[in-house]
Amino acid sequence: MRWSFLLLVAALGVLPACFGGVTGAQGPAVNAALKTAVATKDALVIADALEDLIAAGADTPEDRQLAYAEVRARAVDTAAYTYARAVVTGRLVQLKGLLGADMIGEVEHYARRSRQLDPNFRSGAATRMLGTLYVVAPAALLRNGDSETGLELLEGLVNKDPDVIENHLRVAEAYIALGDVDPAKPHLCRCSADRAKLRRDDQALLAQLLKDAGNPTCPKPAATAPTP
Protein backbone atom coordinates (compact mmCIF):
# COMPACT_ATOMS: atom_id res chain seq x y z
CA MET A 1 0.00 0.00 0.00
CA ARG A 2 1.17 3.55 -0.74
CA TRP A 3 0.14 5.34 2.43
CA SER A 4 0.87 5.24 6.11
CA PHE A 5 -1.49 3.75 8.65
CA LEU A 6 0.39 5.67 11.32
CA LEU A 7 -1.45 8.69 9.97
CA LEU A 8 -4.70 6.79 10.25
CA VAL A 9 -4.13 5.82 13.86
CA ALA A 10 -2.94 9.31 14.74
CA ALA A 11 -6.19 10.57 13.29
CA LEU A 12 -8.15 8.46 15.75
CA GLY A 13 -6.58 10.35 18.61
CA VAL A 14 -6.06 13.92 17.44
CA LEU A 15 -8.23 14.92 14.50
CA PRO A 16 -11.42 16.78 15.39
CA ALA A 17 -14.58 14.86 14.59
CA CYS A 18 -16.07 17.79 12.72
CA PHE A 19 -17.11 16.26 9.42
CA GLY A 20 -20.62 15.18 8.55
CA GLY A 21 -21.92 12.02 6.97
CA VAL A 22 -20.89 10.66 3.60
CA THR A 23 -23.22 11.95 0.92
CA GLY A 24 -21.34 11.35 -2.33
CA ALA A 25 -22.31 14.79 -3.61
CA GLN A 26 -19.90 16.35 -6.09
CA GLY A 27 -19.66 19.85 -4.67
CA PRO A 28 -17.26 22.61 -5.70
CA ALA A 29 -14.63 21.32 -3.26
CA VAL A 30 -14.24 18.06 -5.20
CA ASN A 31 -11.15 18.08 -7.39
CA ALA A 32 -11.63 17.77 -11.14
CA ALA A 33 -9.26 14.79 -11.25
CA LEU A 34 -11.49 12.86 -8.88
CA LYS A 35 -14.61 13.80 -10.82
CA THR A 36 -12.96 12.40 -13.94
CA ALA A 37 -12.10 9.20 -12.09
CA VAL A 38 -15.65 8.85 -10.76
CA ALA A 39 -16.96 9.07 -14.32
CA THR A 40 -15.09 5.85 -15.18
CA LYS A 41 -17.16 3.95 -12.58
CA ASP A 42 -14.01 1.97 -11.77
CA ALA A 43 -13.31 1.60 -8.05
CA LEU A 44 -9.56 1.22 -8.45
CA VAL A 45 -9.31 4.26 -10.72
CA ILE A 46 -11.21 6.27 -8.12
CA ALA A 47 -8.99 5.07 -5.27
CA ASP A 48 -5.84 5.79 -7.27
CA ALA A 49 -7.05 9.29 -8.13
CA LEU A 50 -7.68 10.00 -4.45
CA GLU A 51 -4.23 8.68 -3.55
CA ASP A 52 -2.61 10.91 -6.15
CA LEU A 53 -4.38 13.95 -4.74
CA ILE A 54 -3.31 13.07 -1.22
CA ALA A 55 0.29 12.50 -2.30
CA ALA A 56 0.28 15.97 -3.86
CA GLY A 57 -1.31 17.53 -0.77
CA ALA A 58 -4.25 18.64 -2.90
CA ASP A 59 -7.13 16.55 -1.56
CA THR A 60 -10.19 17.94 0.22
CA PRO A 61 -12.54 16.36 2.78
CA GLU A 62 -15.15 16.20 0.03
CA ASP A 63 -12.75 14.19 -2.14
CA ARG A 64 -12.43 11.52 0.54
CA GLN A 65 -16.15 11.43 1.21
CA LEU A 66 -17.02 11.15 -2.47
CA ALA A 67 -14.41 8.48 -3.19
CA TYR A 68 -15.71 6.32 -0.35
CA ALA A 69 -19.34 6.75 -1.40
CA GLU A 70 -18.63 5.95 -5.05
CA VAL A 71 -16.43 2.92 -4.37
CA ARG A 72 -18.86 1.54 -1.82
CA ALA A 73 -21.65 1.75 -4.39
CA ARG A 74 -19.79 -0.43 -6.92
CA ALA A 75 -19.09 -3.58 -4.90
CA VAL A 76 -17.63 -6.59 -6.71
CA ASP A 77 -15.65 -9.45 -5.23
CA THR A 78 -12.29 -8.91 -6.92
CA ALA A 79 -8.81 -8.22 -5.58
CA ALA A 80 -8.79 -4.81 -7.24
CA TYR A 81 -12.16 -3.74 -5.85
CA THR A 82 -11.58 -4.95 -2.31
CA TYR A 83 -8.17 -3.27 -2.24
CA ALA A 84 -9.71 -0.02 -3.48
CA ARG A 85 -12.44 -0.30 -0.84
CA ALA A 86 -9.85 -0.73 1.91
CA VAL A 87 -7.90 2.29 0.65
CA VAL A 88 -10.80 4.74 0.47
CA THR A 89 -12.18 3.51 3.78
CA GLY A 90 -8.86 4.09 5.48
CA ARG A 91 -8.64 7.57 4.04
CA LEU A 92 -12.12 8.35 5.33
CA VAL A 93 -11.13 7.11 8.79
CA GLN A 94 -8.26 9.61 8.73
CA LEU A 95 -10.77 12.32 7.95
CA LYS A 96 -13.39 11.37 10.53
CA GLY A 97 -11.01 10.87 13.43
CA LEU A 98 -12.64 9.29 16.47
CA LEU A 99 -15.96 9.04 14.64
CA GLY A 100 -14.29 6.70 12.16
CA ALA A 101 -12.86 4.25 14.69
CA ASP A 102 -15.58 1.70 14.04
CA MET A 103 -14.57 1.62 10.36
CA ILE A 104 -11.14 0.12 11.10
CA GLY A 105 -12.78 -3.31 10.95
CA GLU A 106 -14.00 -2.51 7.44
CA VAL A 107 -10.45 -1.68 6.35
CA GLU A 108 -9.24 -4.97 7.82
CA HIS A 109 -12.03 -6.97 6.17
CA TYR A 110 -11.45 -5.66 2.67
CA ALA A 111 -7.66 -5.80 2.89
CA ARG A 112 -7.88 -9.45 4.01
CA ARG A 113 -10.32 -10.25 1.22
CA SER A 114 -8.10 -8.66 -1.43
CA ARG A 115 -5.17 -10.69 -0.16
CA GLN A 116 -7.24 -13.87 -0.25
CA LEU A 117 -8.30 -13.23 -3.83
CA ASP A 118 -4.84 -12.33 -5.13
CA PRO A 119 -1.91 -12.00 -2.70
CA ASN A 120 0.29 -10.75 -5.54
CA PHE A 121 -1.97 -7.89 -6.58
CA ARG A 122 0.24 -4.82 -6.99
CA SER A 123 3.21 -6.65 -5.51
CA GLY A 124 1.44 -7.44 -2.26
CA ALA A 125 -0.29 -4.10 -1.72
CA ALA A 126 -3.04 -5.57 0.45
CA THR A 127 -0.48 -7.44 2.55
CA ARG A 128 1.45 -4.21 3.15
CA MET A 129 -1.76 -2.53 4.19
CA LEU A 130 -2.88 -5.35 6.44
CA GLY A 131 0.52 -5.87 8.05
CA THR A 132 0.87 -2.21 8.91
CA LEU A 133 -2.68 -2.07 10.22
CA TYR A 134 -2.08 -5.02 12.55
CA VAL A 135 1.05 -3.39 13.94
CA VAL A 136 -0.26 0.09 14.62
CA ALA A 137 -4.03 -0.07 15.07
CA PRO A 138 -5.51 -0.63 18.53
CA ALA A 139 -6.04 -4.37 19.05
CA ALA A 140 -9.59 -3.80 20.27
CA LEU A 141 -10.53 -2.58 16.78
CA LEU A 142 -9.18 -5.67 14.98
CA ARG A 143 -10.43 -9.23 14.65
CA ASN A 144 -7.81 -11.34 12.91
CA GLY A 145 -4.32 -10.16 13.82
CA ASP A 146 -1.99 -8.32 16.15
CA SER A 147 1.43 -6.67 16.02
CA GLU A 148 3.22 -10.02 15.78
CA THR A 149 1.05 -11.04 12.85
CA GLY A 150 1.68 -7.71 11.18
CA LEU A 151 5.46 -7.93 11.48
CA GLU A 152 5.40 -11.45 10.06
CA LEU A 153 3.42 -10.25 7.05
CA LEU A 154 5.70 -7.29 6.42
CA GLU A 155 8.94 -9.21 6.91
CA GLY A 156 7.58 -11.86 4.56
CA LEU A 157 7.12 -9.24 1.86
CA VAL A 158 10.68 -7.97 2.30
CA ASN A 159 12.01 -11.51 2.00
CA LYS A 160 9.88 -12.19 -1.07
CA ASP A 161 10.38 -8.87 -2.86
CA PRO A 162 13.43 -7.09 -1.41
CA ASP A 163 13.66 -4.77 -4.40
CA VAL A 164 10.27 -3.21 -3.64
CA ILE A 165 11.42 -0.23 -1.58
CA GLU A 166 8.02 0.35 -0.05
CA ASN A 167 8.29 -3.06 1.64
CA HIS A 168 11.34 -1.81 3.55
CA LEU A 169 9.57 1.43 4.43
CA ARG A 170 6.60 -0.40 5.94
CA VAL A 171 8.80 -2.72 8.00
CA ALA A 172 10.77 0.25 9.33
CA GLU A 173 7.55 2.09 10.09
CA ALA A 174 6.24 -0.94 11.97
CA TYR A 175 9.32 -1.41 14.12
CA ILE A 176 9.44 2.25 15.03
CA ALA A 177 5.74 2.24 15.88
CA LEU A 178 6.52 -0.58 18.32
CA GLY A 179 9.44 1.33 19.82
CA ASP A 180 12.08 -1.05 18.44
CA VAL A 181 14.41 1.23 16.52
CA ASP A 182 17.48 -0.94 15.87
CA PRO A 183 15.88 -3.48 13.48
CA ALA A 184 14.35 -0.58 11.57
CA LYS A 185 17.69 1.02 10.72
CA PRO A 186 18.82 -1.30 7.87
CA HIS A 187 15.44 -0.84 6.21
CA LEU A 188 15.62 2.93 6.63
CA CYS A 189 19.06 2.96 5.07
CA ARG A 190 17.81 0.91 2.13
CA CYS A 191 14.98 3.38 1.66
CA SER A 192 17.36 6.33 1.88
CA ALA A 193 19.53 4.86 -0.87
CA ASP A 194 16.48 4.58 -3.14
CA ARG A 195 14.53 7.58 -1.92
CA ALA A 196 13.70 8.67 -5.46
CA LYS A 197 11.62 5.52 -5.95
CA LEU A 198 9.21 6.57 -3.21
CA ARG A 199 6.20 8.81 -3.66
CA ARG A 200 6.36 12.33 -2.31
CA ASP A 201 4.27 11.50 0.76
CA ASP A 202 6.33 8.38 1.47
CA GLN A 203 9.50 10.45 1.17
CA ALA A 204 8.09 12.72 3.86
CA LEU A 205 7.30 9.67 5.98
CA LEU A 206 10.84 8.39 5.50
CA ALA A 207 12.25 11.71 6.69
CA GLN A 208 10.14 11.51 9.83
CA LEU A 209 11.09 7.88 10.48
CA LEU A 210 14.78 8.70 10.09
CA LYS A 211 14.37 11.48 12.63
CA ASP A 212 12.52 9.14 15.00
CA ALA A 213 15.34 6.63 14.65
CA GLY A 214 17.98 9.21 15.57
CA ASN A 215 19.16 9.82 11.99
CA PRO A 216 21.22 6.62 11.73
CA THR A 217 24.49 6.65 9.81
CA CYS A 218 24.01 4.62 6.67
CA PRO A 219 26.79 3.02 4.63
CA LYS A 220 27.55 4.72 1.36
CA PRO A 221 26.17 2.92 -1.70
CA ALA A 222 28.72 0.77 -3.47
CA ALA A 223 30.27 2.45 -6.49
CA THR A 224 29.07 1.16 -9.83
CA ALA A 225 31.83 -0.16 -12.05
CA PRO A 226 32.20 1.80 -15.32
CA THR A 227 30.87 0.15 -18.44
CA PRO A 228 33.76 -1.08 -20.60
C-alpha atoms as a PDB file:
ATOM      1  CA  MET A   1       0.000   0.000   0.000  1.00  0.00           C
ATOM      2  CA  ARG A   2       1.174   3.548  -0.742  1.00  0.00           C
ATOM      3  CA  TRP A   3       0.139   5.345   2.431  1.00  0.00           C
ATOM      4  CA  SER A   4       0.867   5.243   6.114  1.00  0.00           C
ATOM      5  CA  PHE A   5      -1.491   3.754   8.650  1.00  0.00           C
ATOM      6  CA  LEU A   6       0.393   5.674  11.321  1.00  0.00           C
ATOM      7  CA  LEU A   7      -1.450   8.689   9.973  1.00  0.00           C
ATOM      8  CA  LEU A   8      -4.702   6.790  10.252  1.00  0.00           C
ATOM      9  CA  VAL A   9      -4.135   5.815  13.856  1.00  0.00           C
ATOM     10  CA  ALA A  10      -2.943   9.305  14.736  1.00  0.00           C
ATOM     11  CA  ALA A  11      -6.190  10.567  13.289  1.00  0.00           C
ATOM     12  CA  LEU A  12      -8.154   8.465  15.746  1.00  0.00           C
ATOM     13  CA  GLY A  13      -6.583  10.355  18.606  1.00  0.00           C
ATOM     14  CA  VAL A  14      -6.063  13.915  17.442  1.00  0.00           C
ATOM     15  CA  LEU A  15      -8.230  14.917  14.503  1.00  0.00           C
ATOM     16  CA  PRO A  16     -11.416  16.776  15.394  1.00  0.00           C
ATOM     17  CA  ALA A  17     -14.581  14.862  14.593  1.00  0.00           C
ATOM     18  CA  CYS A  18     -16.070  17.788  12.715  1.00  0.00           C
ATOM     19  CA  PHE A  19     -17.111  16.259   9.422  1.00  0.00           C
ATOM     20  CA  GLY A  20     -20.616  15.179   8.553  1.00  0.00           C
ATOM     21  CA  GLY A  21     -21.916  12.018   6.975  1.00  0.00           C
ATOM     22  CA  VAL A  22     -20.886  10.657   3.600  1.00  0.00           C
ATOM     23  CA  THR A  23     -23.219  11.953   0.919  1.00  0.00           C
ATOM     24  CA  GLY A  24     -21.336  11.347  -2.326  1.00  0.00           C
ATOM     25  CA  ALA A  25     -22.313  14.795  -3.608  1.00  0.00           C
ATOM     26  CA  GLN A  26     -19.901  16.348  -6.092  1.00  0.00           C
ATOM     27  CA  GLY A  27     -19.663  19.849  -4.667  1.00  0.00           C
ATOM     28  CA  PRO A  28     -17.262  22.610  -5.699  1.00  0.00           C
ATOM     29  CA  ALA A  29     -14.630  21.324  -3.257  1.00  0.00           C
ATOM     30  CA  VAL A  30     -14.244  18.063  -5.197  1.00  0.00           C
ATOM     31  CA  ASN A  31     -11.148  18.084  -7.394  1.00  0.00           C
ATOM     32  CA  ALA A  32     -11.626  17.765 -11.142  1.00  0.00           C
ATOM     33  CA  ALA A  33      -9.256  14.791 -11.255  1.00  0.00           C
ATOM     34  CA  LEU A  34     -11.488  12.862  -8.883  1.00  0.00           C
ATOM     35  CA  LYS A  35     -14.615  13.803 -10.817  1.00  0.00           C
ATOM     36  CA  THR A  36     -12.962  12.399 -13.936  1.00  0.00           C
ATOM     37  CA  ALA A  37     -12.101   9.197 -12.088  1.00  0.00           C
ATOM     38  CA  VAL A  38     -15.647   8.846 -10.758  1.00  0.00           C
ATOM     39  CA  ALA A  39     -16.958   9.075 -14.323  1.00  0.00           C
ATOM     40  CA  THR A  40     -15.089   5.853 -15.175  1.00  0.00           C
ATOM     41  CA  LYS A  41     -17.158   3.950 -12.578  1.00  0.00           C
ATOM     42  CA  ASP A  42     -14.006   1.968 -11.774  1.00  0.00           C
ATOM     43  CA  ALA A  43     -13.312   1.601  -8.050  1.00  0.00           C
ATOM     44  CA  LEU A  44      -9.559   1.217  -8.451  1.00  0.00           C
ATOM     45  CA  VAL A  45      -9.305   4.262 -10.721  1.00  0.00           C
ATOM     46  CA  ILE A  46     -11.213   6.273  -8.120  1.00  0.00           C
ATOM     47  CA  ALA A  47      -8.992   5.072  -5.266  1.00  0.00           C
ATOM     48  CA  ASP A  48      -5.841   5.790  -7.266  1.00  0.00           C
ATOM     49  CA  ALA A  49      -7.049   9.287  -8.127  1.00  0.00           C
ATOM     50  CA  LEU A  50      -7.679   9.999  -4.455  1.00  0.00           C
ATOM     51  CA  GLU A  51      -4.229   8.681  -3.545  1.00  0.00           C
ATOM     52  CA  ASP A  52      -2.607  10.912  -6.153  1.00  0.00           C
ATOM     53  CA  LEU A  53      -4.383  13.954  -4.743  1.00  0.00           C
ATOM     54  CA  ILE A  54      -3.308  13.070  -1.218  1.00  0.00           C
ATOM     55  CA  ALA A  55       0.294  12.499  -2.297  1.00  0.00           C
ATOM     56  CA  ALA A  56       0.283  15.969  -3.857  1.00  0.00           C
ATOM     57  CA  GLY A  57      -1.305  17.526  -0.773  1.00  0.00           C
ATOM     58  CA  ALA A  58      -4.249  18.637  -2.898  1.00  0.00           C
ATOM     59  CA  ASP A  59      -7.129  16.551  -1.563  1.00  0.00           C
ATOM     60  CA  THR A  60     -10.193  17.936   0.219  1.00  0.00           C
ATOM     61  CA  PRO A  61     -12.542  16.363   2.784  1.00  0.00           C
ATOM     62  CA  GLU A  62     -15.149  16.196   0.033  1.00  0.00           C
ATOM     63  CA  ASP A  63     -12.750  14.186  -2.143  1.00  0.00           C
ATOM     64  CA  ARG A  64     -12.428  11.520   0.540  1.00  0.00           C
ATOM     65  CA  GLN A  65     -16.154  11.426   1.209  1.00  0.00           C
ATOM     66  CA  LEU A  66     -17.016  11.153  -2.470  1.00  0.00           C
ATOM     67  CA  ALA A  67     -14.408   8.483  -3.185  1.00  0.00           C
ATOM     68  CA  TYR A  68     -15.713   6.323  -0.351  1.00  0.00           C
ATOM     69  CA  ALA A  69     -19.342   6.748  -1.402  1.00  0.00           C
ATOM     70  CA  GLU A  70     -18.628   5.946  -5.054  1.00  0.00           C
ATOM     71  CA  VAL A  71     -16.434   2.923  -4.365  1.00  0.00           C
ATOM     72  CA  ARG A  72     -18.861   1.543  -1.815  1.00  0.00           C
ATOM     73  CA  ALA A  73     -21.655   1.753  -4.386  1.00  0.00           C
ATOM     74  CA  ARG A  74     -19.786  -0.427  -6.918  1.00  0.00           C
ATOM     75  CA  ALA A  75     -19.087  -3.579  -4.901  1.00  0.00           C
ATOM     76  CA  VAL A  76     -17.632  -6.588  -6.714  1.00  0.00           C
ATOM     77  CA  ASP A  77     -15.654  -9.450  -5.225  1.00  0.00           C
ATOM     78  CA  THR A  78     -12.291  -8.908  -6.918  1.00  0.00           C
ATOM     79  CA  ALA A  79      -8.811  -8.224  -5.575  1.00  0.00           C
ATOM     80  CA  ALA A  80      -8.793  -4.805  -7.237  1.00  0.00           C
ATOM     81  CA  TYR A  81     -12.158  -3.736  -5.849  1.00  0.00           C
ATOM     82  CA  THR A  82     -11.576  -4.950  -2.307  1.00  0.00           C
ATOM     83  CA  TYR A  83      -8.168  -3.268  -2.239  1.00  0.00           C
ATOM     84  CA  ALA A  84      -9.706  -0.015  -3.478  1.00  0.00           C
ATOM     85  CA  ARG A  85     -12.435  -0.300  -0.843  1.00  0.00           C
ATOM     86  CA  ALA A  86      -9.852  -0.730   1.915  1.00  0.00           C
ATOM     87  CA  VAL A  87      -7.896   2.288   0.649  1.00  0.00           C
ATOM     88  CA  VAL A  88     -10.795   4.737   0.465  1.00  0.00           C
ATOM     89  CA  THR A  89     -12.183   3.514   3.781  1.00  0.00           C
ATOM     90  CA  GLY A  90      -8.856   4.091   5.482  1.00  0.00           C
ATOM     91  CA  ARG A  91      -8.641   7.574   4.036  1.00  0.00           C
ATOM     92  CA  LEU A  92     -12.117   8.350   5.333  1.00  0.00           C
ATOM     93  CA  VAL A  93     -11.128   7.114   8.794  1.00  0.00           C
ATOM     94  CA  GLN A  94      -8.257   9.608   8.727  1.00  0.00           C
ATOM     95  CA  LEU A  95     -10.768  12.316   7.946  1.00  0.00           C
ATOM     96  CA  LYS A  96     -13.394  11.368  10.526  1.00  0.00           C
ATOM     97  CA  GLY A  97     -11.005  10.866  13.434  1.00  0.00           C
ATOM     98  CA  LEU A  98     -12.642   9.289  16.469  1.00  0.00           C
ATOM     99  CA  LEU A  99     -15.961   9.038  14.643  1.00  0.00           C
ATOM    100  CA  GLY A 100     -14.286   6.700  12.162  1.00  0.00           C
ATOM    101  CA  ALA A 101     -12.857   4.252  14.690  1.00  0.00           C
ATOM    102  CA  ASP A 102     -15.585   1.702  14.039  1.00  0.00           C
ATOM    103  CA  MET A 103     -14.569   1.619  10.359  1.00  0.00           C
ATOM    104  CA  ILE A 104     -11.141   0.117  11.101  1.00  0.00           C
ATOM    105  CA  GLY A 105     -12.782  -3.307  10.948  1.00  0.00           C
ATOM    106  CA  GLU A 106     -13.998  -2.506   7.439  1.00  0.00           C
ATOM    107  CA  VAL A 107     -10.451  -1.684   6.346  1.00  0.00           C
ATOM    108  CA  GLU A 108      -9.243  -4.974   7.816  1.00  0.00           C
ATOM    109  CA  HIS A 109     -12.035  -6.973   6.170  1.00  0.00           C
ATOM    110  CA  TYR A 110     -11.449  -5.660   2.668  1.00  0.00           C
ATOM    111  CA  ALA A 111      -7.657  -5.801   2.890  1.00  0.00           C
ATOM    112  CA  ARG A 112      -7.881  -9.452   4.008  1.00  0.00           C
ATOM    113  CA  ARG A 113     -10.321 -10.255   1.223  1.00  0.00           C
ATOM    114  CA  SER A 114      -8.100  -8.657  -1.433  1.00  0.00           C
ATOM    115  CA  ARG A 115      -5.170 -10.687  -0.158  1.00  0.00           C
ATOM    116  CA  GLN A 116      -7.244 -13.869  -0.248  1.00  0.00           C
ATOM    117  CA  LEU A 117      -8.303 -13.228  -3.833  1.00  0.00           C
ATOM    118  CA  ASP A 118      -4.836 -12.333  -5.130  1.00  0.00           C
ATOM    119  CA  PRO A 119      -1.909 -11.997  -2.697  1.00  0.00           C
ATOM    120  CA  ASN A 120       0.295 -10.754  -5.544  1.00  0.00           C
ATOM    121  CA  PHE A 121      -1.966  -7.890  -6.583  1.00  0.00           C
ATOM    122  CA  ARG A 122       0.239  -4.818  -6.989  1.00  0.00           C
ATOM    123  CA  SER A 123       3.210  -6.646  -5.505  1.00  0.00           C
ATOM    124  CA  GLY A 124       1.436  -7.445  -2.258  1.00  0.00           C
ATOM    125  CA  ALA A 125      -0.292  -4.097  -1.717  1.00  0.00           C
ATOM    126  CA  ALA A 126      -3.038  -5.575   0.451  1.00  0.00           C
ATOM    127  CA  THR A 127      -0.482  -7.439   2.549  1.00  0.00           C
ATOM    128  CA  ARG A 128       1.452  -4.207   3.149  1.00  0.00           C
ATOM    129  CA  MET A 129      -1.756  -2.526   4.188  1.00  0.00           C
ATOM    130  CA  LEU A 130      -2.878  -5.354   6.442  1.00  0.00           C
ATOM    131  CA  GLY A 131       0.515  -5.873   8.048  1.00  0.00           C
ATOM    132  CA  THR A 132       0.869  -2.209   8.914  1.00  0.00           C
ATOM    133  CA  LEU A 133      -2.685  -2.074  10.222  1.00  0.00           C
ATOM    134  CA  TYR A 134      -2.076  -5.015  12.554  1.00  0.00           C
ATOM    135  CA  VAL A 135       1.049  -3.386  13.935  1.00  0.00           C
ATOM    136  CA  VAL A 136      -0.259   0.089  14.621  1.00  0.00           C
ATOM    137  CA  ALA A 137      -4.032  -0.067  15.069  1.00  0.00           C
ATOM    138  CA  PRO A 138      -5.514  -0.634  18.534  1.00  0.00           C
ATOM    139  CA  ALA A 139      -6.041  -4.372  19.054  1.00  0.00           C
ATOM    140  CA  ALA A 140      -9.591  -3.800  20.270  1.00  0.00           C
ATOM    141  CA  LEU A 141     -10.533  -2.583  16.779  1.00  0.00           C
ATOM    142  CA  LEU A 142      -9.176  -5.666  14.983  1.00  0.00           C
ATOM    143  CA  ARG A 143     -10.434  -9.231  14.646  1.00  0.00           C
ATOM    144  CA  ASN A 144      -7.812 -11.337  12.908  1.00  0.00           C
ATOM    145  CA  GLY A 145      -4.323 -10.161  13.823  1.00  0.00           C
ATOM    146  CA  ASP A 146      -1.990  -8.320  16.153  1.00  0.00           C
ATOM    147  CA  SER A 147       1.428  -6.673  16.019  1.00  0.00           C
ATOM    148  CA  GLU A 148       3.219 -10.018  15.778  1.00  0.00           C
ATOM    149  CA  THR A 149       1.046 -11.043  12.848  1.00  0.00           C
ATOM    150  CA  GLY A 150       1.682  -7.707  11.184  1.00  0.00           C
ATOM    151  CA  LEU A 151       5.456  -7.932  11.479  1.00  0.00           C
ATOM    152  CA  GLU A 152       5.396 -11.454  10.059  1.00  0.00           C
ATOM    153  CA  LEU A 153       3.423 -10.251   7.047  1.00  0.00           C
ATOM    154  CA  LEU A 154       5.705  -7.291   6.424  1.00  0.00           C
ATOM    155  CA  GLU A 155       8.942  -9.214   6.907  1.00  0.00           C
ATOM    156  CA  GLY A 156       7.583 -11.857   4.562  1.00  0.00           C
ATOM    157  CA  LEU A 157       7.124  -9.236   1.857  1.00  0.00           C
ATOM    158  CA  VAL A 158      10.680  -7.974   2.297  1.00  0.00           C
ATOM    159  CA  ASN A 159      12.010 -11.515   1.996  1.00  0.00           C
ATOM    160  CA  LYS A 160       9.879 -12.193  -1.066  1.00  0.00           C
ATOM    161  CA  ASP A 161      10.381  -8.866  -2.864  1.00  0.00           C
ATOM    162  CA  PRO A 162      13.431  -7.092  -1.410  1.00  0.00           C
ATOM    163  CA  ASP A 163      13.658  -4.766  -4.404  1.00  0.00           C
ATOM    164  CA  VAL A 164      10.269  -3.209  -3.642  1.00  0.00           C
ATOM    165  CA  ILE A 165      11.423  -0.225  -1.580  1.00  0.00           C
ATOM    166  CA  GLU A 166       8.015   0.351  -0.046  1.00  0.00           C
ATOM    167  CA  ASN A 167       8.293  -3.057   1.639  1.00  0.00           C
ATOM    168  CA  HIS A 168      11.337  -1.807   3.553  1.00  0.00           C
ATOM    169  CA  LEU A 169       9.574   1.435   4.434  1.00  0.00           C
ATOM    170  CA  ARG A 170       6.601  -0.397   5.937  1.00  0.00           C
ATOM    171  CA  VAL A 171       8.805  -2.718   7.996  1.00  0.00           C
ATOM    172  CA  ALA A 172      10.772   0.249   9.328  1.00  0.00           C
ATOM    173  CA  GLU A 173       7.547   2.091  10.091  1.00  0.00           C
ATOM    174  CA  ALA A 174       6.238  -0.942  11.970  1.00  0.00           C
ATOM    175  CA  TYR A 175       9.323  -1.411  14.118  1.00  0.00           C
ATOM    176  CA  ILE A 176       9.445   2.254  15.034  1.00  0.00           C
ATOM    177  CA  ALA A 177       5.742   2.235  15.877  1.00  0.00           C
ATOM    178  CA  LEU A 178       6.520  -0.583  18.316  1.00  0.00           C
ATOM    179  CA  GLY A 179       9.438   1.334  19.824  1.00  0.00           C
ATOM    180  CA  ASP A 180      12.077  -1.051  18.445  1.00  0.00           C
ATOM    181  CA  VAL A 181      14.413   1.230  16.523  1.00  0.00           C
ATOM    182  CA  ASP A 182      17.485  -0.939  15.873  1.00  0.00           C
ATOM    183  CA  PRO A 183      15.884  -3.479  13.484  1.00  0.00           C
ATOM    184  CA  ALA A 184      14.348  -0.579  11.575  1.00  0.00           C
ATOM    185  CA  LYS A 185      17.688   1.022  10.717  1.00  0.00           C
ATOM    186  CA  PRO A 186      18.818  -1.300   7.872  1.00  0.00           C
ATOM    187  CA  HIS A 187      15.438  -0.836   6.213  1.00  0.00           C
ATOM    188  CA  LEU A 188      15.616   2.934   6.631  1.00  0.00           C
ATOM    189  CA  CYS A 189      19.063   2.957   5.067  1.00  0.00           C
ATOM    190  CA  ARG A 190      17.805   0.911   2.131  1.00  0.00           C
ATOM    191  CA  CYS A 191      14.976   3.379   1.658  1.00  0.00           C
ATOM    192  CA  SER A 192      17.362   6.326   1.881  1.00  0.00           C
ATOM    193  CA  ALA A 193      19.526   4.860  -0.867  1.00  0.00           C
ATOM    194  CA  ASP A 194      16.483   4.578  -3.144  1.00  0.00           C
ATOM    195  CA  ARG A 195      14.530   7.580  -1.916  1.00  0.00           C
ATOM    196  CA  ALA A 196      13.699   8.671  -5.459  1.00  0.00           C
ATOM    197  CA  LYS A 197      11.620   5.516  -5.948  1.00  0.00           C
ATOM    198  CA  LEU A 198       9.206   6.570  -3.212  1.00  0.00           C
ATOM    199  CA  ARG A 199       6.203   8.815  -3.659  1.00  0.00           C
ATOM    200  CA  ARG A 200       6.359  12.329  -2.310  1.00  0.00           C
ATOM    201  CA  ASP A 201       4.267  11.500   0.763  1.00  0.00           C
ATOM    202  CA  ASP A 202       6.329   8.384   1.469  1.00  0.00           C
ATOM    203  CA  GLN A 203       9.502  10.453   1.171  1.00  0.00           C
ATOM    204  CA  ALA A 204       8.094  12.723   3.864  1.00  0.00           C
ATOM    205  CA  LEU A 205       7.298   9.671   5.979  1.00  0.00           C
ATOM    206  CA  LEU A 206      10.839   8.389   5.500  1.00  0.00           C
ATOM    207  CA  ALA A 207      12.252  11.714   6.688  1.00  0.00           C
ATOM    208  CA  GLN A 208      10.140  11.512   9.833  1.00  0.00           C
ATOM    209  CA  LEU A 209      11.089   7.885  10.485  1.00  0.00           C
ATOM    210  CA  LEU A 210      14.781   8.699  10.090  1.00  0.00           C
ATOM    211  CA  LYS A 211      14.368  11.476  12.632  1.00  0.00           C
ATOM    212  CA  ASP A 212      12.517   9.141  14.996  1.00  0.00           C
ATOM    213  CA  ALA A 213      15.345   6.625  14.650  1.00  0.00           C
ATOM    214  CA  GLY A 214      17.981   9.213  15.566  1.00  0.00           C
ATOM    215  CA  ASN A 215      19.161   9.817  11.989  1.00  0.00           C
ATOM    216  CA  PRO A 216      21.219   6.621  11.732  1.00  0.00           C
ATOM    217  CA  THR A 217      24.494   6.653   9.814  1.00  0.00           C
ATOM    218  CA  CYS A 218      24.013   4.617   6.669  1.00  0.00           C
ATOM    219  CA  PRO A 219      26.793   3.015   4.625  1.00  0.00           C
ATOM    220  CA  LYS A 220      27.551   4.719   1.359  1.00  0.00           C
ATOM    221  CA  PRO A 221      26.166   2.923  -1.703  1.00  0.00           C
ATOM    222  CA  ALA A 222      28.722   0.772  -3.472  1.00  0.00           C
ATOM    223  CA  ALA A 223      30.271   2.449  -6.487  1.00  0.00           C
ATOM    224  CA  THR A 224      29.066   1.165  -9.833  1.00  0.00           C
ATOM    225  CA  ALA A 225      31.826  -0.159 -12.048  1.00  0.00           C
ATOM    226  CA  PRO A 226      32.198   1.801 -15.315  1.00  0.00           C
ATOM    227  CA  THR A 227      30.867   0.155 -18.437  1.00  0.00           C
ATOM    228  CA  PRO A 228      33.760  -1.083 -20.599  1.00  0.00           C
END
